[in-house]
C-alpha atoms as a PDB file:
ATOM      1  CA  MET A   1      16.351 -23.248 -24.257  1.00  0.00           C
ATOM      2  CA  GLU A   2      13.292 -25.644 -23.221  1.00  0.00           C
ATOM      3  CA  ALA A   3      15.148 -26.436 -20.000  1.00  0.00           C
ATOM      4  CA  LEU A   4      15.561 -22.470 -18.963  1.00  0.00           C
ATOM      5  CA  THR A   5      11.522 -22.126 -19.992  1.00  0.00           C
ATOM      6  CA  LEU A   6      10.580 -24.777 -17.619  1.00  0.00           C
ATOM      7  CA  ALA A   7      12.938 -23.066 -14.882  1.00  0.00           C
ATOM      8  CA  LYS A   8      11.388 -19.859 -15.187  1.00  0.00           C
ATOM      9  CA  GLN A   9       7.962 -21.387 -15.362  1.00  0.00           C
ATOM     10  CA  HIS A  10       8.687 -23.087 -11.909  1.00  0.00           C
ATOM     11  CA  LEU A  11       9.987 -19.846 -10.519  1.00  0.00           C
ATOM     12  CA  GLN A  12       7.277 -18.070 -11.745  1.00  0.00           C
ATOM     13  CA  GLN A  13       4.717 -20.362  -9.888  1.00  0.00           C
ATOM     14  CA  ASN A  14       6.955 -20.319  -6.679  1.00  0.00           C
ATOM     15  CA  GLY A  15       6.680 -16.435  -6.684  1.00  0.00           C
ATOM     16  CA  PHE A  16       9.995 -15.098  -7.604  1.00  0.00           C
ATOM     17  CA  LEU A  17      13.525 -15.931  -9.724  1.00  0.00           C
ATOM     18  CA  ASP A  18      15.378 -17.152  -6.663  1.00  0.00           C
ATOM     19  CA  LEU A  19      18.639 -17.266  -8.617  1.00  0.00           C
ATOM     20  CA  ASP A  20      21.842 -16.199  -7.276  1.00  0.00           C
ATOM     21  CA  VAL A  21      22.993 -12.965  -8.139  1.00  0.00           C
ATOM     22  CA  ASP A  22      26.633 -12.227  -8.990  1.00  0.00           C
ATOM     23  CA  PRO A  23      28.126 -10.698  -5.961  1.00  0.00           C
ATOM     24  CA  THR A  24      30.444  -8.417  -8.065  1.00  0.00           C
ATOM     25  CA  LEU A  25      27.530  -6.761  -9.969  1.00  0.00           C
ATOM     26  CA  ASP A  26      26.779  -3.478  -9.492  1.00  0.00           C
ATOM     27  CA  ILE A  27      23.290  -3.944  -9.034  1.00  0.00           C
ATOM     28  CA  ILE A  28      22.219  -0.442  -9.282  1.00  0.00           C
ATOM     29  CA  GLU A  29      23.787   0.143 -12.392  1.00  0.00           C
ATOM     30  CA  ALA A  30      22.265  -2.787 -13.867  1.00  0.00           C
ATOM     31  CA  ILE A  31      18.897  -1.932 -12.941  1.00  0.00           C
ATOM     32  CA  GLN A  32      19.250   1.421 -14.267  1.00  0.00           C
ATOM     33  CA  LYS A  33      20.383  -0.130 -17.408  1.00  0.00           C
ATOM     34  CA  LEU A  34      17.468  -2.527 -17.650  1.00  0.00           C
ATOM     35  CA  LYS A  35      14.927   0.378 -16.906  1.00  0.00           C
ATOM     36  CA  LYS A  36      16.488   2.201 -20.289  1.00  0.00           C
ATOM     37  CA  GLU A  37      16.524  -1.035 -22.278  1.00  0.00           C
ATOM     38  CA  LYS A  38      13.003  -2.329 -21.625  1.00  0.00           C
ATOM     39  CA  ASN A  39      11.408   1.404 -20.977  1.00  0.00           C
ATOM     40  CA  ALA A  40      10.732   0.107 -17.584  1.00  0.00           C
ATOM     41  CA  ILE A  41       9.308   1.998 -14.669  1.00  0.00           C
ATOM     42  CA  ILE A  42       9.706   1.410 -11.133  1.00  0.00           C
ATOM     43  CA  LEU A  43       6.772   2.104  -8.646  1.00  0.00           C
ATOM     44  CA  ALA A  44       7.636   1.919  -5.078  1.00  0.00           C
ATOM     45  CA  HIS A  45       5.578   2.086  -1.752  1.00  0.00           C
ATOM     46  CA  TYR A  46       7.012   4.092   1.216  1.00  0.00           C
ATOM     47  CA  TYR A  47       7.088   0.749   3.150  1.00  0.00           C
ATOM     48  CA  GLN A  48       9.997  -0.889   0.826  1.00  0.00           C
ATOM     49  CA  GLU A  49      13.462  -1.106   1.911  1.00  0.00           C
ATOM     50  CA  SER A  50      15.568   2.041   1.463  1.00  0.00           C
ATOM     51  CA  GLU A  51      17.682   0.823  -1.238  1.00  0.00           C
ATOM     52  CA  ILE A  52      14.321   0.486  -3.636  1.00  0.00           C
ATOM     53  CA  GLN A  53      13.248   3.517  -2.533  1.00  0.00           C
ATOM     54  CA  ASP A  54      16.259   5.388  -3.812  1.00  0.00           C
ATOM     55  CA  ILE A  55      16.389   3.556  -7.304  1.00  0.00           C
ATOM     56  CA  ALA A  56      12.752   3.944  -7.846  1.00  0.00           C
ATOM     57  CA  ASP A  57      11.287   6.238 -10.399  1.00  0.00           C
ATOM     58  CA  TYR A  58       8.140   7.166  -8.110  1.00  0.00           C
ATOM     59  CA  ILE A  59       7.731   6.484  -4.425  1.00  0.00           C
ATOM     60  CA  GLY A  60       4.187   7.286  -2.858  1.00  0.00           C
ATOM     61  CA  ASP A  61       1.233   5.781  -1.004  1.00  0.00           C
ATOM     62  CA  SER A  62      -1.302   3.875  -2.545  1.00  0.00           C
ATOM     63  CA  LEU A  63      -3.278   6.779  -4.219  1.00  0.00           C
ATOM     64  CA  GLY A  64      -0.116   8.287  -5.760  1.00  0.00           C
ATOM     65  CA  LEU A  65       0.908   4.760  -7.100  1.00  0.00           C
ATOM     66  CA  ALA A  66      -2.455   4.266  -8.685  1.00  0.00           C
ATOM     67  CA  GLN A  67      -2.046   7.784 -10.127  1.00  0.00           C
ATOM     68  CA  GLU A  68       1.237   7.182 -11.477  1.00  0.00           C
ATOM     69  CA  ALA A  69       0.298   3.532 -12.705  1.00  0.00           C
ATOM     70  CA  ALA A  70      -2.688   5.264 -14.582  1.00  0.00           C
ATOM     71  CA  ARG A  71      -0.687   7.739 -16.468  1.00  0.00           C
ATOM     72  CA  THR A  72       2.622   6.006 -17.181  1.00  0.00           C
ATOM     73  CA  GLU A  73       3.824   5.629 -20.778  1.00  0.00           C
ATOM     74  CA  ALA A  74       6.674   3.011 -19.614  1.00  0.00           C
ATOM     75  CA  ASP A  75       5.879  -0.375 -21.605  1.00  0.00           C
ATOM     76  CA  ILE A  76       6.780  -2.401 -18.312  1.00  0.00           C
ATOM     77  CA  ILE A  77       5.534  -1.497 -14.841  1.00  0.00           C
ATOM     78  CA  VAL A  78       7.720  -2.911 -11.929  1.00  0.00           C
ATOM     79  CA  PHE A  79       5.834  -2.663  -8.892  1.00  0.00           C
ATOM     80  CA  ALA A  80       7.834  -2.728  -5.673  1.00  0.00           C
ATOM     81  CA  GLY A  81       4.995  -3.226  -3.209  1.00  0.00           C
ATOM     82  CA  VAL A  82       2.622  -6.101  -2.516  1.00  0.00           C
ATOM     83  CA  HIS A  83       0.449  -7.992  -4.576  1.00  0.00           C
ATOM     84  CA  PHE A  84      -2.596  -5.959  -4.513  1.00  0.00           C
ATOM     85  CA  MET A  85      -0.682  -2.646  -5.580  1.00  0.00           C
ATOM     86  CA  ALA A  86       0.576  -4.629  -8.847  1.00  0.00           C
ATOM     87  CA  GLU A  87      -2.984  -6.000  -9.718  1.00  0.00           C
ATOM     88  CA  THR A  88      -4.277  -2.353  -9.439  1.00  0.00           C
ATOM     89  CA  ALA A  89      -1.449  -1.165 -12.057  1.00  0.00           C
ATOM     90  CA  LYS A  90      -2.455  -3.864 -14.292  1.00  0.00           C
ATOM     91  CA  MET A  91      -6.406  -3.264 -14.231  1.00  0.00           C
ATOM     92  CA  LEU A  92      -5.293   0.386 -15.196  1.00  0.00           C
ATOM     93  CA  ASN A  93      -2.751  -0.955 -17.943  1.00  0.00           C
ATOM     94  CA  PRO A  94      -4.131  -4.082 -19.040  1.00  0.00           C
ATOM     95  CA  GLY A  95      -1.947  -3.927 -22.174  1.00  0.00           C
ATOM     96  CA  LYS A  96       1.406  -3.379 -20.384  1.00  0.00           C
ATOM     97  CA  LYS A  97       3.383  -5.929 -18.474  1.00  0.00           C
ATOM     98  CA  VAL A  98       3.167  -5.745 -14.874  1.00  0.00           C
ATOM     99  CA  LEU A  99       5.969  -7.155 -12.837  1.00  0.00           C
ATOM    100  CA  LEU A 100       6.146  -7.883  -8.938  1.00  0.00           C
ATOM    101  CA  PRO A 101       9.522  -8.875  -7.483  1.00  0.00           C
ATOM    102  CA  ASP A 102       7.831 -11.447  -5.360  1.00  0.00           C
ATOM    103  CA  LEU A 103       4.559 -12.954  -6.047  1.00  0.00           C
ATOM    104  CA  LYS A 104       4.482 -13.813  -2.302  1.00  0.00           C
ATOM    105  CA  ALA A 105       4.540 -10.441  -1.219  1.00  0.00           C
ATOM    106  CA  GLY A 106       0.854 -10.235  -0.095  1.00  0.00           C
ATOM    107  CA  CYS A 107      -1.000  -8.346   2.601  1.00  0.00           C
ATOM    108  CA  SER A 108      -2.731  -9.289   5.656  1.00  0.00           C
ATOM    109  CA  LEU A 109      -5.490  -6.814   5.049  1.00  0.00           C
ATOM    110  CA  ALA A 110      -6.324  -8.000   1.941  1.00  0.00           C
ATOM    111  CA  ASP A 111      -6.152 -11.683   3.205  1.00  0.00           C
ATOM    112  CA  SER A 112      -8.546 -10.788   5.880  1.00  0.00           C
ATOM    113  CA  CYS A 113     -11.416 -10.133   3.602  1.00  0.00           C
ATOM    114  CA  PRO A 114     -11.470 -13.100   1.273  1.00  0.00           C
ATOM    115  CA  ALA A 115     -14.050 -12.440  -1.571  1.00  0.00           C
ATOM    116  CA  PRO A 116     -16.465 -15.619  -1.331  1.00  0.00           C
ATOM    117  CA  ILE A 117     -17.049 -14.752   1.967  1.00  0.00           C
ATOM    118  CA  PHE A 118     -17.622 -10.886   1.479  1.00  0.00           C
ATOM    119  CA  LYS A 119     -20.065 -11.845  -1.109  1.00  0.00           C
ATOM    120  CA  LYS A 120     -22.236 -13.477   1.205  1.00  0.00           C
ATOM    121  CA  PHE A 121     -21.837 -10.799   3.933  1.00  0.00           C
ATOM    122  CA  LYS A 122     -22.599  -8.196   1.140  1.00  0.00           C
ATOM    123  CA  GLU A 123     -25.967 -10.134   0.392  1.00  0.00           C
ATOM    124  CA  LYS A 124     -27.315  -9.193   3.757  1.00  0.00           C
ATOM    125  CA  TYR A 125     -27.130  -5.605   2.778  1.00  0.00           C
ATOM    126  CA  PRO A 126     -28.618  -5.391  -0.727  1.00  0.00           C
ATOM    127  CA  ASP A 127     -29.334  -1.722  -0.399  1.00  0.00           C
ATOM    128  CA  HIS A 128     -25.696  -0.640   0.750  1.00  0.00           C
ATOM    129  CA  LYS A 129     -22.836   0.855  -1.826  1.00  0.00           C
ATOM    130  CA  VAL A 130     -19.491  -0.969  -1.233  1.00  0.00           C
ATOM    131  CA  VAL A 131     -16.897   1.184  -0.380  1.00  0.00           C
ATOM    132  CA  SER A 132     -13.411  -0.978  -0.302  1.00  0.00           C
ATOM    133  CA  TYR A 133     -10.288   0.468   0.686  1.00  0.00           C
ATOM    134  CA  ILE A 134      -7.814  -0.246  -2.008  1.00  0.00           C
ATOM    135  CA  ASN A 135      -5.704  -2.502   0.052  1.00  0.00           C
ATOM    136  CA  CYS A 136      -7.847  -5.344  -1.103  1.00  0.00           C
ATOM    137  CA  THR A 137      -7.895  -8.151  -3.671  1.00  0.00           C
ATOM    138  CA  ALA A 138      -8.643  -7.783  -7.383  1.00  0.00           C
ATOM    139  CA  ALA A 139     -11.764 -10.151  -6.757  1.00  0.00           C
ATOM    140  CA  LEU A 140     -13.166  -7.857  -3.941  1.00  0.00           C
ATOM    141  CA  LYS A 141     -12.632  -4.869  -6.191  1.00  0.00           C
ATOM    142  CA  THR A 142     -15.488  -6.714  -8.741  1.00  0.00           C
ATOM    143  CA  MET A 143     -17.715  -6.231  -5.822  1.00  0.00           C
ATOM    144  CA  THR A 144     -17.078  -2.729  -4.908  1.00  0.00           C
ATOM    145  CA  ASP A 145     -18.664   0.370  -6.161  1.00  0.00           C
ATOM    146  CA  ILE A 146     -16.008   2.671  -5.286  1.00  0.00           C
ATOM    147  CA  CYS A 147     -12.433   2.381  -3.874  1.00  0.00           C
ATOM    148  CA  CYS A 148     -10.725   4.794  -1.500  1.00  0.00           C
ATOM    149  CA  THR A 149      -7.179   5.125  -0.132  1.00  0.00           C
ATOM    150  CA  SER A 150      -6.367   6.584   3.117  1.00  0.00           C
ATOM    151  CA  THR A 151      -5.592  10.132   1.563  1.00  0.00           C
ATOM    152  CA  ASN A 152      -8.990  10.154  -0.306  1.00  0.00           C
ATOM    153  CA  ALA A 153     -11.313   8.228   1.929  1.00  0.00           C
ATOM    154  CA  GLU A 154     -13.193  11.304   3.507  1.00  0.00           C
ATOM    155  CA  ALA A 155     -13.578  12.706   0.162  1.00  0.00           C
ATOM    156  CA  ILE A 156     -14.851   9.499  -1.479  1.00  0.00           C
ATOM    157  CA  ILE A 157     -17.444   9.018   1.478  1.00  0.00           C
ATOM    158  CA  ASP A 158     -18.428  12.671   1.301  1.00  0.00           C
ATOM    159  CA  SER A 159     -19.216  11.719  -2.164  1.00  0.00           C
ATOM    160  CA  ILE A 160     -21.932   9.519  -1.501  1.00  0.00           C
ATOM    161  CA  PRO A 161     -25.394  10.908  -0.604  1.00  0.00           C
ATOM    162  CA  GLU A 162     -26.001  11.105   3.184  1.00  0.00           C
ATOM    163  CA  ASP A 163     -29.053   8.581   2.862  1.00  0.00           C
ATOM    164  CA  GLN A 164     -27.079   6.049   0.997  1.00  0.00           C
ATOM    165  CA  PRO A 165     -26.189   3.493   3.276  1.00  0.00           C
ATOM    166  CA  ILE A 166     -22.322   1.933   3.107  1.00  0.00           C
ATOM    167  CA  ILE A 167     -20.494  -1.102   3.309  1.00  0.00           C
ATOM    168  CA  PHE A 168     -16.541  -0.564   3.949  1.00  0.00           C
ATOM    169  CA  ALA A 169     -14.131  -2.926   3.803  1.00  0.00           C
ATOM    170  CA  PRO A 170     -11.838  -4.577   4.899  1.00  0.00           C
ATOM    171  CA  ASP A 171     -10.234  -2.216   7.334  1.00  0.00           C
ATOM    172  CA  ARG A 172     -12.305  -2.032  10.519  1.00  0.00           C
ATOM    173  CA  ASN A 173     -10.169   0.697  12.024  1.00  0.00           C
ATOM    174  CA  LEU A 174     -10.113   2.872   9.008  1.00  0.00           C
ATOM    175  CA  GLY A 175     -14.128   2.394   8.763  1.00  0.00           C
ATOM    176  CA  ALA A 176     -14.413   3.304  12.488  1.00  0.00           C
ATOM    177  CA  TYR A 177     -12.372   6.703  12.045  1.00  0.00           C
ATOM    178  CA  LEU A 178     -14.194   7.502   9.049  1.00  0.00           C
ATOM    179  CA  ASN A 179     -17.616   7.249  10.716  1.00  0.00           C
ATOM    180  CA  LYS A 180     -16.309   9.285  13.443  1.00  0.00           C
ATOM    181  CA  LYS A 181     -14.919  12.158  11.029  1.00  0.00           C
ATOM    182  CA  THR A 182     -17.990  11.907   8.426  1.00  0.00           C
ATOM    183  CA  GLY A 183     -20.755  11.114  10.923  1.00  0.00           C
ATOM    184  CA  ARG A 184     -21.917   7.942   8.764  1.00  0.00           C
ATOM    185  CA  ASP A 185     -22.846   4.772  10.136  1.00  0.00           C
ATOM    186  CA  MET A 186     -20.896   2.686   7.908  1.00  0.00           C
ATOM    187  CA  VAL A 187     -21.196  -1.193   7.987  1.00  0.00           C
ATOM    188  CA  LEU A 188     -17.951  -2.654   8.854  1.00  0.00           C
ATOM    189  CA  TRP A 189     -16.213  -5.523   7.536  1.00  0.00           C
ATOM    190  CA  ASN A 190     -14.023  -7.064  10.231  1.00  0.00           C
ATOM    191  CA  GLY A 191     -10.447  -6.859   8.867  1.00  0.00           C
ATOM    192  CA  ALA A 192      -7.261  -5.299   9.938  1.00  0.00           C
ATOM    193  CA  CYS A 193      -3.402  -4.746   9.045  1.00  0.00           C
ATOM    194  CA  ILE A 194      -1.256  -6.792  11.276  1.00  0.00           C
ATOM    195  CA  VAL A 195       1.409  -3.923  11.329  1.00  0.00           C
ATOM    196  CA  HIS A 196      -0.979  -1.240  12.333  1.00  0.00           C
ATOM    197  CA  GLU A 197      -2.691  -3.317  15.202  1.00  0.00           C
ATOM    198  CA  ILE A 198       0.377  -4.078  16.641  1.00  0.00           C
ATOM    199  CA  PHE A 199       1.198  -0.998  18.393  1.00  0.00           C
ATOM    200  CA  SER A 200       1.522  -0.779  22.229  1.00  0.00           C
ATOM    201  CA  LYS A 201      -0.354   2.377  23.670  1.00  0.00           C
ATOM    202  CA  GLU A 202       1.418   1.807  27.155  1.00  0.00           C
ATOM    203  CA  LYS A 203       5.140   1.835  25.524  1.00  0.00           C
ATOM    204  CA  ILE A 204       4.413   4.534  23.278  1.00  0.00           C
ATOM    205  CA  VAL A 205       2.914   6.746  26.397  1.00  0.00           C
ATOM    206  CA  LYS A 206       6.388   5.924  27.907  1.00  0.00           C
ATOM    207  CA  LEU A 207       8.063   6.879  24.676  1.00  0.00           C
ATOM    208  CA  MET A 208       6.267  10.101  24.604  1.00  0.00           C
ATOM    209  CA  ASN A 209       7.118  10.919  28.272  1.00  0.00           C
ATOM    210  CA  ARG A 210      10.670  10.105  27.558  1.00  0.00           C
ATOM    211  CA  HIS A 211      10.454  12.576  24.556  1.00  0.00           C
ATOM    212  CA  PRO A 212       7.865  15.502  25.871  1.00  0.00           C
ATOM    213  CA  ASN A 213       8.479  17.604  22.806  1.00  0.00           C
ATOM    214  CA  ALA A 214       7.826  14.904  20.127  1.00  0.00           C
ATOM    215  CA  LYS A 215       4.722  14.742  18.120  1.00  0.00           C
ATOM    216  CA  MET A 216       2.671  11.528  17.811  1.00  0.00           C
ATOM    217  CA  ILE A 217       1.680  10.958  14.346  1.00  0.00           C
ATOM    218  CA  ALA A 218      -0.307   7.817  13.227  1.00  0.00           C
ATOM    219  CA  HIS A 219      -1.938   6.410  10.345  1.00  0.00           C
ATOM    220  CA  PRO A 220      -5.791   5.649  10.413  1.00  0.00           C
ATOM    221  CA  GLU A 221      -5.283   1.786  10.270  1.00  0.00           C
ATOM    222  CA  CYS A 222      -4.463   2.103  13.959  1.00  0.00           C
ATOM    223  CA  GLU A 223      -6.689   1.055  16.321  1.00  0.00           C
ATOM    224  CA  ALA A 224      -8.916   3.679  18.198  1.00  0.00           C
ATOM    225  CA  HIS A 225      -6.883   3.668  21.332  1.00  0.00           C
ATOM    226  CA  ILE A 226      -3.453   4.663  19.267  1.00  0.00           C
ATOM    227  CA  LEU A 227      -5.326   7.368  17.243  1.00  0.00           C
ATOM    228  CA  ASP A 228      -7.001   8.953  20.684  1.00  0.00           C
ATOM    229  CA  ILE A 229      -3.101   9.991  21.503  1.00  0.00           C
ATOM    230  CA  ALA A 230      -2.003  10.973  18.307  1.00  0.00           C
ATOM    231  CA  ASP A 231      -1.130  14.858  17.422  1.00  0.00           C
ATOM    232  CA  HIS A 232      -1.820  14.164  13.608  1.00  0.00           C
ATOM    233  CA  ILE A 233      -3.518  11.298  11.780  1.00  0.00           C
ATOM    234  CA  GLY A 234      -3.212  10.663   8.055  1.00  0.00           C
ATOM    235  CA  SER A 235      -2.135   8.495   5.209  1.00  0.00           C
ATOM    236  CA  THR A 236       1.872   7.813   4.778  1.00  0.00           C
ATOM    237  CA  SER A 237       1.959  11.003   2.443  1.00  0.00           C
ATOM    238  CA  SER A 238       0.051  13.165   4.946  1.00  0.00           C
ATOM    239  CA  LEU A 239       2.414  12.252   7.725  1.00  0.00           C
ATOM    240  CA  LEU A 240       5.468  12.765   5.489  1.00  0.00           C
ATOM    241  CA  ARG A 241       4.092  16.328   4.773  1.00  0.00           C
ATOM    242  CA  TYR A 242       3.315  16.901   8.298  1.00  0.00           C
ATOM    243  CA  THR A 243       6.848  16.283   9.158  1.00  0.00           C
ATOM    244  CA  LYS A 244       8.287  18.258   6.455  1.00  0.00           C
ATOM    245  CA  GLU A 245       6.100  21.534   7.249  1.00  0.00           C
ATOM    246  CA  SER A 246       6.027  21.085  10.754  1.00  0.00           C
ATOM    247  CA  GLY A 247       8.086  23.128  12.981  1.00  0.00           C
ATOM    248  CA  PHE A 248       8.803  20.452  15.358  1.00  0.00           C
ATOM    249  CA  ASP A 249      11.776  18.587  15.434  1.00  0.00           C
ATOM    250  CA  GLU A 250      10.778  15.278  16.973  1.00  0.00           C
ATOM    251  CA  PHE A 251       8.538  12.781  15.973  1.00  0.00           C
ATOM    252  CA  ILE A 252       6.905   9.416  17.058  1.00  0.00           C
ATOM    253  CA  VAL A 253       5.598   7.542  13.953  1.00  0.00           C
ATOM    254  CA  ALA A 254       2.696   5.027  14.127  1.00  0.00           C
ATOM    255  CA  THR A 255       3.161   3.235  10.730  1.00  0.00           C
ATOM    256  CA  GLU A 256       5.420   1.082   8.835  1.00  0.00           C
ATOM    257  CA  SER A 257       8.777   2.240   9.711  1.00  0.00           C
ATOM    258  CA  GLY A 258       9.718   2.088   6.117  1.00  0.00           C
ATOM    259  CA  ILE A 259       8.459   5.850   5.922  1.00  0.00           C
ATOM    260  CA  ILE A 260      11.142   6.939   8.320  1.00  0.00           C
ATOM    261  CA  HIS A 261      13.779   6.884   5.211  1.00  0.00           C
ATOM    262  CA  GLN A 262      11.836   9.496   3.606  1.00  0.00           C
ATOM    263  CA  MET A 263      11.014  11.615   6.301  1.00  0.00           C
ATOM    264  CA  GLU A 264      14.822  11.647   7.188  1.00  0.00           C
ATOM    265  CA  LYS A 265      15.765  12.461   3.738  1.00  0.00           C
ATOM    266  CA  ALA A 266      13.509  15.428   3.687  1.00  0.00           C
ATOM    267  CA  SER A 267      14.075  16.644   7.473  1.00  0.00           C
ATOM    268  CA  PRO A 268      17.769  15.658   7.975  1.00  0.00           C
ATOM    269  CA  ASN A 269      17.874  18.035  11.023  1.00  0.00           C
ATOM    270  CA  LYS A 270      14.534  16.003  12.692  1.00  0.00           C
ATOM    271  CA  THR A 271      14.290  13.333  14.851  1.00  0.00           C
ATOM    272  CA  PHE A 272      12.218  10.042  14.280  1.00  0.00           C
ATOM    273  CA  TYR A 273      11.346   7.554  16.448  1.00  0.00           C
ATOM    274  CA  PRO A 274       9.378   4.350  15.662  1.00  0.00           C
ATOM    275  CA  ALA A 275       6.570   3.744  17.543  1.00  0.00           C
ATOM    276  CA  PRO A 276       7.124   0.468  19.250  1.00  0.00           C
ATOM    277  CA  PRO A 277       5.035  -2.836  19.108  1.00  0.00           C
ATOM    278  CA  ASN A 278       3.411  -4.674  22.172  1.00  0.00           C
ATOM    279  CA  ASN A 279       6.334  -7.325  21.952  1.00  0.00           C
ATOM    280  CA  THR A 280       9.768  -7.343  21.230  1.00  0.00           C
ATOM    281  CA  CYS A 281      10.066  -8.481  17.507  1.00  0.00           C
ATOM    282  CA  ALA A 282      10.104  -5.862  14.490  1.00  0.00           C
ATOM    283  CA  CYS A 283       6.421  -5.834  13.968  1.00  0.00           C
ATOM    284  CA  ASN A 284       6.299  -2.328  12.738  1.00  0.00           C
ATOM    285  CA  GLU A 285       7.967  -3.837   9.651  1.00  0.00           C
ATOM    286  CA  CYS A 286       5.626  -5.167   7.053  1.00  0.00           C
ATOM    287  CA  PRO A 287       7.047  -8.628   6.544  1.00  0.00           C
ATOM    288  CA  HIS A 288       4.706  -8.922   3.190  1.00  0.00           C
ATOM    289  CA  MET A 289       6.636  -5.436   1.811  1.00  0.00           C
ATOM    290  CA  ARG A 290       9.996  -6.610   3.071  1.00  0.00           C
ATOM    291  CA  LEU A 291       9.851  -9.596   0.761  1.00  0.00           C
ATOM    292  CA  ASN A 292      11.178  -7.482  -1.978  1.00  0.00           C
ATOM    293  CA  THR A 293      14.730  -6.999  -2.191  1.00  0.00           C
ATOM    294  CA  MET A 294      17.031  -5.492  -4.877  1.00  0.00           C
ATOM    295  CA  GLU A 295      18.205  -8.639  -5.918  1.00  0.00           C
ATOM    296  CA  LYS A 296      14.788  -9.885  -6.707  1.00  0.00           C
ATOM    297  CA  LEU A 297      14.009  -6.511  -8.107  1.00  0.00           C
ATOM    298  CA  TYR A 298      16.893  -7.052 -10.601  1.00  0.00           C
ATOM    299  CA  LEU A 299      16.110 -10.424 -11.692  1.00  0.00           C
ATOM    300  CA  CYS A 300      12.553  -9.542 -12.121  1.00  0.00           C
ATOM    301  CA  MET A 301      13.639  -7.151 -14.782  1.00  0.00           C
ATOM    302  CA  LYS A 302      16.150  -9.101 -15.943  1.00  0.00           C
ATOM    303  CA  HIS A 303      13.926 -12.053 -16.951  1.00  0.00           C
ATOM    304  CA  GLU A 304      10.502  -9.828 -16.843  1.00  0.00           C
ATOM    305  CA  LEU A 305       9.049 -12.369 -14.366  1.00  0.00           C
ATOM    306  CA  PRO A 306       6.829 -12.891 -12.063  1.00  0.00           C
ATOM    307  CA  GLU A 307       4.246 -11.100 -14.036  1.00  0.00           C
ATOM    308  CA  ILE A 308       0.759 -10.263 -13.069  1.00  0.00           C
ATOM    309  CA  HIS A 309      -2.039 -11.921 -14.888  1.00  0.00           C
ATOM    310  CA  LEU A 310      -5.625 -11.023 -14.248  1.00  0.00           C
ATOM    311  CA  GLU A 311      -8.803 -12.513 -16.388  1.00  0.00           C
ATOM    312  CA  GLN A 312     -10.398  -9.970 -18.582  1.00  0.00           C
ATOM    313  CA  GLU A 313     -13.821 -10.035 -16.570  1.00  0.00           C
ATOM    314  CA  VAL A 314     -11.745  -9.120 -13.308  1.00  0.00           C
ATOM    315  CA  ILE A 315     -10.046  -6.141 -14.884  1.00  0.00           C
ATOM    316  CA  ASP A 316     -13.502  -4.878 -16.747  1.00  0.00           C
ATOM    317  CA  LYS A 317     -15.448  -5.109 -13.286  1.00  0.00           C
ATOM    318  CA  GLY A 318     -12.636  -4.400 -10.858  1.00  0.00           C
ATOM    319  CA  ARG A 319     -11.389  -0.975 -12.802  1.00  0.00           C
ATOM    320  CA  VAL A 320     -14.760   0.767 -12.444  1.00  0.00           C
ATOM    321  CA  CYS A 321     -14.436   1.077  -8.633  1.00  0.00           C
ATOM    322  CA  ILE A 322     -10.979   2.615  -9.448  1.00  0.00           C
ATOM    323  CA  ASP A 323     -11.681   4.935 -12.244  1.00  0.00           C
ATOM    324  CA  ARG A 324     -14.129   6.156  -9.990  1.00  0.00           C
ATOM    325  CA  MET A 325     -11.935   6.957  -7.332  1.00  0.00           C
ATOM    326  CA  LEU A 326      -9.546   8.478  -9.329  1.00  0.00           C
ATOM    327  CA  ASP A 327     -12.255  10.648 -10.861  1.00  0.00           C
ATOM    328  CA  VAL A 328     -13.362  12.042  -7.363  1.00  0.00           C
ATOM    329  CA  SER A 329      -9.762  12.303  -6.349  1.00  0.00           C
ATOM    330  CA  ALA A 330      -9.067  14.740  -9.159  1.00  0.00           C
ATOM    331  CA  LYS A 331     -12.375  16.683  -8.552  1.00  0.00           C
ATOM    332  CA  ALA A 332     -11.457  16.863  -4.828  1.00  0.00           C
ATOM    333  CA  GLY A 333      -7.858  18.213  -5.857  1.00  0.00           C
ATOM    334  CA  LEU A 334      -5.974  15.271  -4.556  1.00  0.00           C
END
């Protein structure tokens, strides 16, 4: 027993339970069984691999996931996403066990804004309120007045008096897009998502020329020159809704390609082309999101590890900006 405990501690510290899974195991059936036995819920982001999306209890973007985490009655929340998402769920459910299949599933955007450096940056603008994109660390949320997601960002900015100066962190592309949309002049932190900065305008234009009937849709984390050629700009849930409700049959999708699985399920007779990156790698797939696998998900639920732990002070300070965001979203009908 002691050896097993030590092994679990080692695996916890190193990110995930890298134990072999019996190849004869019906992993879908096993996960479903564990969900019932443990009263667990699986929350998955649209950018997860298709098998994880299909077994999840709820699939959504950052706003939807935060809302679902806030209202769940499950004893265990298994977050098939990245670290900041699981941290958000823990802040909203400090008394529940929150699990992440791979602790190394981080976020390039969150990493681009280290809290100690941001603290010094913030000190230069003492009269500014801080609006942080939810794609940030728990530590950054403790220095944030109100969070936002790409779904509710415009409503969040509009909820702040026009004469109140704002720092927007960490995504410079989303911040610049919001400045343009709202007419504000927010101070922007210089952070970005590696996936949304890799798209090639030249290759996208060539793809548009080959498919003249295709609508180009893009996430606002993309760079301005990509957004300039988009027919529709929105969060992942907005992009999905647009493809379902639009009368068009072809779409070029400039965001993480995991969303295309849901688009194809919702509109099987429509065609979707992932926007090409500016090199030959599969860089429109988030390497952090794809660290989670069905095997890690099963082992995570079986052993209830790795678990997200946050200091109570971080939970208390960080939750304030999330609750404010959820309140504004509810009032805006989002």
